[in-house]
């Protein structure tokens, strides 16, 4: 899917054949939708306020996007950290994996029990969709990094 286009003005929607199109969903889902609802209410004069100008809208949108991006980075970092903490006690455990992709001797493997995709060196006969056994080779908690190797 294409990424969404954020603008203070309606855009053309080629699929619907409309010259001006804007999409607004529940104001509880995203700040952007709340901002659109506030603009509509101000334009209809339901709140007795004036609609925001383009510069103010873009400033608020930029701030909201930056905050959402920072929150997503923090969540990814937190997940990596706690996964590393969890696996540090399971250094000798074995995990079932599924090879998703292979490029030369490297492969992308999904470990369903952990909800994790990882990259590792493969021995030679592992094919995509094939099941393999993995062991944890190292855990670096401060970096939130976990390395896996093929189990013998």
N, C-alpha and C. Protein backbone atom coordinates (compact mmCIF):
# COMPACT_ATOMS: atom_id res chain seq x y z
N UNK A 1 0.84 -1.18 0.00
CA UNK A 1 0.00 0.00 0.00
C UNK A 1 0.88 1.24 0.00
N UNK A 2 0.41 2.26 -0.69
CA UNK A 2 1.12 3.52 -0.67
C UNK A 2 0.94 4.19 0.69
N UNK A 3 1.96 4.93 1.10
CA UNK A 3 1.82 5.67 2.35
C UNK A 3 0.82 6.80 2.15
N UNK A 4 0.21 7.21 3.23
CA UNK A 4 -0.81 8.25 3.11
C UNK A 4 -0.16 9.59 2.84
N UNK A 5 -0.93 10.46 2.25
CA UNK A 5 -0.47 11.79 1.92
C UNK A 5 -1.11 12.77 2.89
N UNK A 6 -0.30 13.46 3.68
CA UNK A 6 -0.82 14.41 4.65
C UNK A 6 -0.76 15.81 4.05
N UNK A 7 -1.90 16.48 4.05
CA UNK A 7 -1.98 17.82 3.48
C UNK A 7 -3.11 18.57 4.18
N UNK A 8 -3.04 19.89 4.10
CA UNK A 8 -4.11 20.70 4.67
C UNK A 8 -5.22 20.96 3.66
N UNK A 9 -5.06 20.46 2.44
CA UNK A 9 -6.05 20.68 1.38
C UNK A 9 -6.52 19.33 0.82
N UNK A 10 -7.79 19.26 0.41
CA UNK A 10 -8.27 18.02 -0.23
C UNK A 10 -7.47 17.73 -1.50
N UNK A 11 -7.37 16.45 -1.84
CA UNK A 11 -6.63 16.05 -3.03
C UNK A 11 -7.55 15.29 -3.98
N UNK A 12 -7.05 15.04 -5.17
CA UNK A 12 -7.81 14.26 -6.16
C UNK A 12 -7.83 12.80 -5.73
N UNK A 13 -8.97 12.15 -5.90
CA UNK A 13 -9.08 10.71 -5.68
C UNK A 13 -9.40 10.10 -7.04
N UNK A 14 -8.38 9.52 -7.67
CA UNK A 14 -8.53 9.01 -9.03
C UNK A 14 -9.51 7.85 -9.09
N UNK A 15 -9.48 6.96 -8.11
CA UNK A 15 -10.35 5.79 -8.13
C UNK A 15 -11.83 6.14 -8.05
N UNK A 16 -12.17 7.18 -7.30
CA UNK A 16 -13.56 7.61 -7.17
C UNK A 16 -13.93 8.69 -8.18
N UNK A 17 -12.94 9.21 -8.89
CA UNK A 17 -13.21 10.24 -9.88
C UNK A 17 -13.60 11.57 -9.26
N UNK A 18 -13.02 11.89 -8.11
CA UNK A 18 -13.35 13.14 -7.42
C UNK A 18 -12.19 14.12 -7.51
N UNK A 19 -12.52 15.38 -7.74
CA UNK A 19 -11.49 16.41 -7.79
C UNK A 19 -10.98 16.77 -6.39
N UNK A 20 -11.85 16.68 -5.40
CA UNK A 20 -11.46 16.99 -4.02
C UNK A 20 -11.94 15.88 -3.11
N UNK A 21 -11.01 15.33 -2.32
CA UNK A 21 -11.33 14.21 -1.45
C UNK A 21 -10.51 14.32 -0.17
N UNK A 22 -11.15 14.07 0.94
CA UNK A 22 -10.47 14.02 2.23
C UNK A 22 -11.06 12.86 3.02
N UNK A 23 -10.23 12.18 3.77
CA UNK A 23 -10.70 11.05 4.56
C UNK A 23 -10.54 11.37 6.04
N UNK A 24 -11.62 11.21 6.77
CA UNK A 24 -11.61 11.44 8.21
C UNK A 24 -12.34 10.27 8.86
N UNK A 25 -11.72 9.69 9.88
CA UNK A 25 -12.37 8.58 10.59
C UNK A 25 -12.64 9.02 12.02
N UNK A 26 -12.73 8.09 12.90
CA UNK A 26 -13.06 8.37 14.30
C UNK A 26 -12.02 9.29 14.94
N UNK A 27 -12.45 10.33 15.64
CA UNK A 27 -11.49 11.21 16.31
C UNK A 27 -10.81 10.53 17.50
N UNK A 28 -11.24 9.34 17.86
CA UNK A 28 -10.60 8.61 18.95
C UNK A 28 -9.39 7.81 18.45
N UNK A 29 -9.29 7.59 17.13
CA UNK A 29 -8.21 6.77 16.58
C UNK A 29 -6.89 7.51 16.48
N UNK A 30 -6.93 8.67 15.87
CA UNK A 30 -5.70 9.40 15.58
C UNK A 30 -5.91 10.89 15.82
N UNK A 31 -4.83 11.55 16.19
CA UNK A 31 -4.89 12.99 16.41
C UNK A 31 -5.28 13.71 15.13
N UNK A 32 -4.79 13.21 13.98
CA UNK A 32 -5.11 13.85 12.70
C UNK A 32 -6.62 13.89 12.48
N UNK A 33 -7.30 12.81 12.83
CA UNK A 33 -8.74 12.77 12.64
C UNK A 33 -9.45 13.72 13.62
N UNK A 34 -8.93 13.80 14.84
CA UNK A 34 -9.48 14.76 15.81
C UNK A 34 -9.34 16.18 15.29
N UNK A 35 -8.17 16.49 14.72
CA UNK A 35 -7.94 17.81 14.18
C UNK A 35 -8.93 18.12 13.05
N UNK A 36 -9.19 17.14 12.20
CA UNK A 36 -10.17 17.32 11.11
C UNK A 36 -11.57 17.57 11.66
N UNK A 37 -11.95 16.82 12.68
CA UNK A 37 -13.28 17.01 13.31
C UNK A 37 -13.38 18.42 13.91
N UNK A 38 -12.30 18.86 14.55
CA UNK A 38 -12.30 20.21 15.12
C UNK A 38 -12.45 21.27 14.04
N UNK A 39 -11.78 21.06 12.91
CA UNK A 39 -11.88 22.01 11.79
C UNK A 39 -13.30 22.05 11.23
N UNK A 40 -13.91 20.88 11.08
CA UNK A 40 -15.28 20.81 10.55
C UNK A 40 -16.24 21.52 11.51
N UNK A 41 -16.08 21.26 12.81
CA UNK A 41 -16.95 21.90 13.80
C UNK A 41 -16.76 23.42 13.79
N UNK A 42 -15.51 23.87 13.66
CA UNK A 42 -15.24 25.32 13.63
C UNK A 42 -15.82 25.93 12.36
N UNK A 43 -15.68 25.24 11.23
CA UNK A 43 -16.22 25.76 9.97
C UNK A 43 -17.74 25.86 10.03
N UNK A 44 -18.38 24.88 10.68
CA UNK A 44 -19.83 24.92 10.85
C UNK A 44 -20.24 25.87 11.98
N UNK A 45 -19.24 26.42 12.67
CA UNK A 45 -19.42 27.34 13.78
C UNK A 45 -20.17 26.70 14.95
N UNK A 46 -19.98 25.40 15.14
CA UNK A 46 -20.62 24.71 16.26
C UNK A 46 -19.91 24.99 17.57
N UNK A 47 -18.62 25.29 17.51
CA UNK A 47 -17.84 25.58 18.72
C UNK A 47 -17.62 27.07 18.94
N UNK A 48 -18.23 27.88 18.08
CA UNK A 48 -18.10 29.34 18.13
C UNK A 48 -16.64 29.78 17.96
N UNK A 49 -15.84 28.94 17.33
CA UNK A 49 -14.45 29.29 17.07
C UNK A 49 -14.20 29.39 15.58
N UNK A 50 -13.02 29.84 15.25
CA UNK A 50 -12.61 29.98 13.85
C UNK A 50 -11.77 28.77 13.45
N UNK A 51 -11.89 28.31 12.21
CA UNK A 51 -11.01 27.24 11.75
C UNK A 51 -9.55 27.70 11.81
N UNK A 52 -8.66 26.75 12.01
CA UNK A 52 -7.23 27.05 12.05
C UNK A 52 -6.73 27.36 10.65
N UNK A 53 -5.68 28.16 10.58
CA UNK A 53 -5.06 28.47 9.30
C UNK A 53 -4.16 27.31 8.86
N UNK A 54 -3.75 27.34 7.60
CA UNK A 54 -2.93 26.26 7.05
C UNK A 54 -1.63 26.09 7.81
N UNK A 55 -0.98 27.18 8.16
CA UNK A 55 0.30 27.09 8.88
C UNK A 55 0.13 26.41 10.23
N UNK A 56 -0.92 26.76 10.97
CA UNK A 56 -1.17 26.16 12.28
C UNK A 56 -1.50 24.67 12.14
N UNK A 57 -2.27 24.33 11.12
CA UNK A 57 -2.60 22.91 10.88
C UNK A 57 -1.33 22.11 10.62
N UNK A 58 -0.49 22.62 9.71
CA UNK A 58 0.74 21.90 9.38
C UNK A 58 1.68 21.80 10.58
N UNK A 59 1.71 22.82 11.41
CA UNK A 59 2.53 22.79 12.63
C UNK A 59 2.04 21.70 13.58
N UNK A 60 0.73 21.64 13.78
CA UNK A 60 0.16 20.61 14.66
C UNK A 60 0.34 19.21 14.08
N UNK A 61 0.18 19.07 12.77
CA UNK A 61 0.36 17.77 12.13
C UNK A 61 1.81 17.31 12.28
N UNK A 62 2.75 18.21 12.06
CA UNK A 62 4.17 17.87 12.20
C UNK A 62 4.49 17.43 13.62
N UNK A 63 3.97 18.15 14.59
CA UNK A 63 4.21 17.79 15.99
C UNK A 63 3.61 16.43 16.32
N UNK A 64 2.41 16.16 15.81
CA UNK A 64 1.75 14.88 16.06
C UNK A 64 2.52 13.74 15.40
N UNK A 65 3.00 13.95 14.17
CA UNK A 65 3.76 12.91 13.47
C UNK A 65 5.07 12.63 14.20
N UNK A 66 5.74 13.67 14.68
CA UNK A 66 7.00 13.48 15.41
C UNK A 66 6.76 12.71 16.70
N UNK A 67 5.69 13.04 17.41
CA UNK A 67 5.37 12.33 18.65
C UNK A 67 5.02 10.87 18.38
N UNK A 68 4.25 10.61 17.32
CA UNK A 68 3.89 9.23 16.97
C UNK A 68 5.12 8.42 16.58
N UNK A 69 6.02 9.04 15.85
CA UNK A 69 7.26 8.36 15.45
C UNK A 69 8.12 8.04 16.67
N UNK A 70 8.24 8.98 17.58
CA UNK A 70 9.02 8.75 18.80
C UNK A 70 8.39 7.64 19.65
N UNK A 71 7.08 7.62 19.73
CA UNK A 71 6.39 6.57 20.49
C UNK A 71 6.61 5.19 19.86
N UNK A 72 6.58 5.12 18.53
CA UNK A 72 6.81 3.85 17.84
C UNK A 72 8.24 3.36 18.07
N UNK A 73 9.22 4.29 18.01
CA UNK A 73 10.62 3.91 18.28
C UNK A 73 10.78 3.41 19.71
N UNK A 74 10.14 4.09 20.66
CA UNK A 74 10.23 3.68 22.06
C UNK A 74 9.61 2.31 22.27
N UNK A 75 8.49 2.05 21.60
CA UNK A 75 7.85 0.74 21.72
C UNK A 75 8.73 -0.37 21.15
N UNK A 76 9.32 -0.13 19.96
CA UNK A 76 10.23 -1.13 19.37
C UNK A 76 11.41 -1.39 20.27
N UNK A 77 11.99 -0.33 20.82
CA UNK A 77 13.13 -0.46 21.71
C UNK A 77 12.76 -1.23 22.98
N UNK A 78 11.60 -0.94 23.53
CA UNK A 78 11.13 -1.64 24.72
C UNK A 78 10.92 -3.12 24.45
N UNK A 79 10.30 -3.44 23.31
CA UNK A 79 10.09 -4.86 22.95
C UNK A 79 11.41 -5.59 22.79
N UNK A 80 12.37 -4.95 22.11
CA UNK A 80 13.69 -5.57 21.92
C UNK A 80 14.37 -5.80 23.26
N UNK A 81 14.30 -4.82 24.13
CA UNK A 81 14.93 -4.95 25.45
C UNK A 81 14.34 -6.11 26.23
N UNK A 82 13.01 -6.15 26.34
CA UNK A 82 12.39 -7.19 27.16
C UNK A 82 12.49 -8.57 26.54
N UNK A 83 12.57 -8.65 25.22
CA UNK A 83 12.82 -9.93 24.58
C UNK A 83 14.23 -10.40 24.93
N UNK A 84 15.20 -9.49 24.90
CA UNK A 84 16.57 -9.84 25.26
C UNK A 84 16.64 -10.28 26.72
N UNK A 85 15.96 -9.59 27.61
CA UNK A 85 15.93 -9.98 29.03
C UNK A 85 15.34 -11.38 29.16
N UNK A 86 14.21 -11.63 28.50
CA UNK A 86 13.55 -12.94 28.55
C UNK A 86 14.48 -14.04 28.04
N UNK A 87 15.13 -13.81 26.91
CA UNK A 87 15.96 -14.85 26.31
C UNK A 87 17.31 -15.02 27.01
N UNK A 88 17.73 -14.04 27.80
CA UNK A 88 19.00 -14.17 28.51
C UNK A 88 18.96 -15.33 29.51
N UNK A 89 17.78 -15.67 30.00
CA UNK A 89 17.61 -16.81 30.91
C UNK A 89 17.38 -18.12 30.16
N UNK A 90 17.31 -18.05 28.85
CA UNK A 90 16.99 -19.23 28.05
C UNK A 90 18.05 -19.47 26.99
N UNK A 91 19.30 -19.22 27.36
CA UNK A 91 20.40 -19.32 26.41
C UNK A 91 20.53 -20.73 25.83
N UNK A 92 20.14 -21.76 26.57
CA UNK A 92 20.27 -23.14 26.10
C UNK A 92 18.95 -23.70 25.55
N UNK A 93 17.94 -22.87 25.43
CA UNK A 93 16.65 -23.33 24.90
C UNK A 93 16.70 -23.43 23.38
N UNK A 94 15.87 -24.31 22.86
CA UNK A 94 15.74 -24.46 21.41
C UNK A 94 14.39 -23.92 20.97
N UNK A 95 14.37 -23.36 19.77
CA UNK A 95 13.17 -22.73 19.25
C UNK A 95 12.91 -23.25 17.84
N UNK A 96 11.64 -23.46 17.52
CA UNK A 96 11.26 -23.84 16.16
C UNK A 96 11.17 -22.59 15.32
N UNK A 97 11.70 -22.67 14.11
CA UNK A 97 11.66 -21.55 13.19
C UNK A 97 11.21 -21.99 11.81
N UNK A 98 10.78 -21.03 11.01
CA UNK A 98 10.37 -21.27 9.63
C UNK A 98 11.19 -20.34 8.75
N UNK A 99 11.86 -20.90 7.76
CA UNK A 99 12.66 -20.10 6.84
C UNK A 99 11.71 -19.32 5.93
N UNK A 100 11.82 -18.00 5.97
CA UNK A 100 10.98 -17.14 5.14
C UNK A 100 11.63 -16.83 3.80
N UNK A 101 12.94 -16.62 3.84
CA UNK A 101 13.65 -16.22 2.64
C UNK A 101 15.10 -16.64 2.77
N UNK A 102 15.73 -16.85 1.63
CA UNK A 102 17.13 -17.24 1.64
C UNK A 102 17.86 -16.52 0.53
N UNK A 103 19.00 -15.93 0.88
CA UNK A 103 19.87 -15.28 -0.10
C UNK A 103 21.28 -15.77 0.19
N UNK A 104 21.74 -16.70 -0.64
CA UNK A 104 23.06 -17.29 -0.42
C UNK A 104 23.05 -18.10 0.87
N UNK A 105 24.00 -17.81 1.74
CA UNK A 105 24.09 -18.56 3.00
C UNK A 105 23.30 -17.89 4.13
N UNK A 106 22.71 -16.73 3.87
CA UNK A 106 21.93 -16.00 4.88
C UNK A 106 20.45 -16.26 4.68
N UNK A 107 19.71 -16.27 5.77
CA UNK A 107 18.29 -16.47 5.67
C UNK A 107 17.52 -15.63 6.67
N UNK A 108 16.27 -15.36 6.34
CA UNK A 108 15.35 -14.71 7.26
C UNK A 108 14.46 -15.79 7.82
N UNK A 109 14.39 -15.86 9.14
CA UNK A 109 13.66 -16.93 9.82
C UNK A 109 12.64 -16.32 10.77
N UNK A 110 11.45 -16.88 10.76
CA UNK A 110 10.40 -16.50 11.70
C UNK A 110 10.39 -17.50 12.85
N UNK A 111 10.38 -16.99 14.07
CA UNK A 111 10.25 -17.83 15.26
C UNK A 111 8.87 -17.54 15.83
N UNK A 112 7.86 -18.36 15.46
CA UNK A 112 6.47 -18.06 15.85
C UNK A 112 6.25 -17.92 17.35
N UNK A 113 6.90 -18.74 18.15
CA UNK A 113 6.69 -18.69 19.60
C UNK A 113 7.11 -17.36 20.20
N UNK A 114 8.03 -16.66 19.53
CA UNK A 114 8.51 -15.37 20.01
C UNK A 114 7.94 -14.20 19.21
N UNK A 115 7.25 -14.50 18.11
CA UNK A 115 6.75 -13.42 17.24
C UNK A 115 7.90 -12.60 16.70
N UNK A 116 8.98 -13.29 16.30
CA UNK A 116 10.22 -12.61 15.94
C UNK A 116 10.74 -13.08 14.60
N UNK A 117 11.18 -12.14 13.78
CA UNK A 117 11.92 -12.45 12.56
C UNK A 117 13.37 -12.14 12.84
N UNK A 118 14.27 -13.02 12.39
CA UNK A 118 15.69 -12.81 12.60
C UNK A 118 16.47 -13.24 11.37
N UNK A 119 17.66 -12.72 11.24
CA UNK A 119 18.57 -13.08 10.16
C UNK A 119 19.65 -13.97 10.75
N UNK A 120 20.02 -15.03 10.02
CA UNK A 120 21.11 -15.88 10.47
C UNK A 120 21.71 -16.65 9.33
N UNK A 121 22.89 -17.23 9.58
CA UNK A 121 23.57 -18.05 8.58
C UNK A 121 22.93 -19.42 8.55
N UNK A 122 22.68 -19.90 7.33
CA UNK A 122 22.10 -21.23 7.14
C UNK A 122 23.20 -22.17 6.66
N UNK A 123 23.00 -23.47 6.89
CA UNK A 123 24.06 -24.43 6.57
C UNK A 123 24.09 -24.85 5.11
N UNK A 124 22.97 -24.86 4.43
CA UNK A 124 23.02 -25.23 3.03
C UNK A 124 21.78 -25.88 2.49
N UNK A 125 21.06 -26.66 3.27
CA UNK A 125 19.90 -27.37 2.72
C UNK A 125 18.56 -26.84 3.24
N UNK A 126 18.56 -25.71 3.89
CA UNK A 126 17.30 -25.12 4.37
C UNK A 126 16.65 -24.34 3.23
N UNK A 127 15.40 -24.60 3.00
CA UNK A 127 14.66 -23.94 1.92
C UNK A 127 13.53 -23.11 2.50
N UNK A 128 13.05 -22.08 1.77
CA UNK A 128 11.89 -21.32 2.25
C UNK A 128 10.72 -22.23 2.58
N UNK A 129 10.02 -21.90 3.64
CA UNK A 129 8.90 -22.64 4.23
C UNK A 129 9.35 -23.88 4.99
N UNK A 130 10.64 -24.15 5.00
CA UNK A 130 11.15 -25.30 5.76
C UNK A 130 11.26 -24.96 7.23
N UNK A 131 11.05 -25.97 8.06
CA UNK A 131 11.16 -25.77 9.51
C UNK A 131 12.57 -26.12 9.98
N UNK A 132 13.08 -25.33 10.91
CA UNK A 132 14.41 -25.56 11.46
C UNK A 132 14.37 -25.36 12.97
N UNK A 133 15.42 -25.82 13.66
CA UNK A 133 15.55 -25.61 15.11
C UNK A 133 16.67 -24.61 15.32
N UNK A 134 16.43 -23.68 16.22
CA UNK A 134 17.39 -22.61 16.50
C UNK A 134 17.74 -22.59 17.98
N UNK A 135 18.94 -22.13 18.25
CA UNK A 135 19.37 -21.88 19.61
C UNK A 135 19.84 -20.45 19.73
N UNK A 136 19.76 -19.89 20.92
CA UNK A 136 20.24 -18.53 21.16
C UNK A 136 21.76 -18.60 21.29
N UNK A 137 22.47 -17.83 20.49
CA UNK A 137 23.93 -17.84 20.56
C UNK A 137 24.46 -16.71 21.44
N UNK A 138 23.80 -15.57 21.45
CA UNK A 138 24.23 -14.47 22.32
C UNK A 138 23.08 -13.51 22.56
N UNK A 139 23.16 -12.84 23.70
CA UNK A 139 22.16 -11.84 24.08
C UNK A 139 22.92 -10.62 24.58
N UNK A 140 22.58 -9.46 24.03
CA UNK A 140 23.17 -8.19 24.48
C UNK A 140 22.01 -7.31 24.94
N UNK A 141 21.74 -7.36 26.24
CA UNK A 141 20.57 -6.66 26.79
C UNK A 141 20.62 -5.15 26.56
N UNK A 142 21.73 -4.46 26.82
CA UNK A 142 21.70 -2.99 26.63
C UNK A 142 21.34 -2.58 25.20
N UNK A 143 21.76 -3.38 24.22
CA UNK A 143 21.46 -3.07 22.82
C UNK A 143 20.14 -3.68 22.37
N UNK A 144 19.56 -4.56 23.18
CA UNK A 144 18.33 -5.25 22.80
C UNK A 144 18.55 -6.20 21.64
N UNK A 145 19.74 -6.80 21.57
CA UNK A 145 20.09 -7.68 20.46
C UNK A 145 20.17 -9.13 20.90
N UNK A 146 19.60 -10.00 20.07
CA UNK A 146 19.65 -11.44 20.31
C UNK A 146 20.10 -12.10 19.01
N UNK A 147 21.07 -12.99 19.09
CA UNK A 147 21.54 -13.72 17.92
C UNK A 147 21.19 -15.19 18.07
N UNK A 148 20.82 -15.79 16.95
CA UNK A 148 20.46 -17.20 16.92
C UNK A 148 21.38 -17.95 15.97
N UNK A 149 21.52 -19.26 16.21
CA UNK A 149 22.27 -20.15 15.32
C UNK A 149 21.44 -21.40 15.11
N UNK A 150 21.75 -22.10 14.04
CA UNK A 150 21.10 -23.39 13.79
C UNK A 150 21.49 -24.36 14.89
N UNK A 151 20.50 -25.09 15.40
CA UNK A 151 20.78 -26.11 16.42
C UNK A 151 21.25 -27.37 15.72
N UNK A 152 22.15 -28.09 16.36
CA UNK A 152 22.67 -29.33 15.77
C UNK A 152 21.68 -30.46 15.87
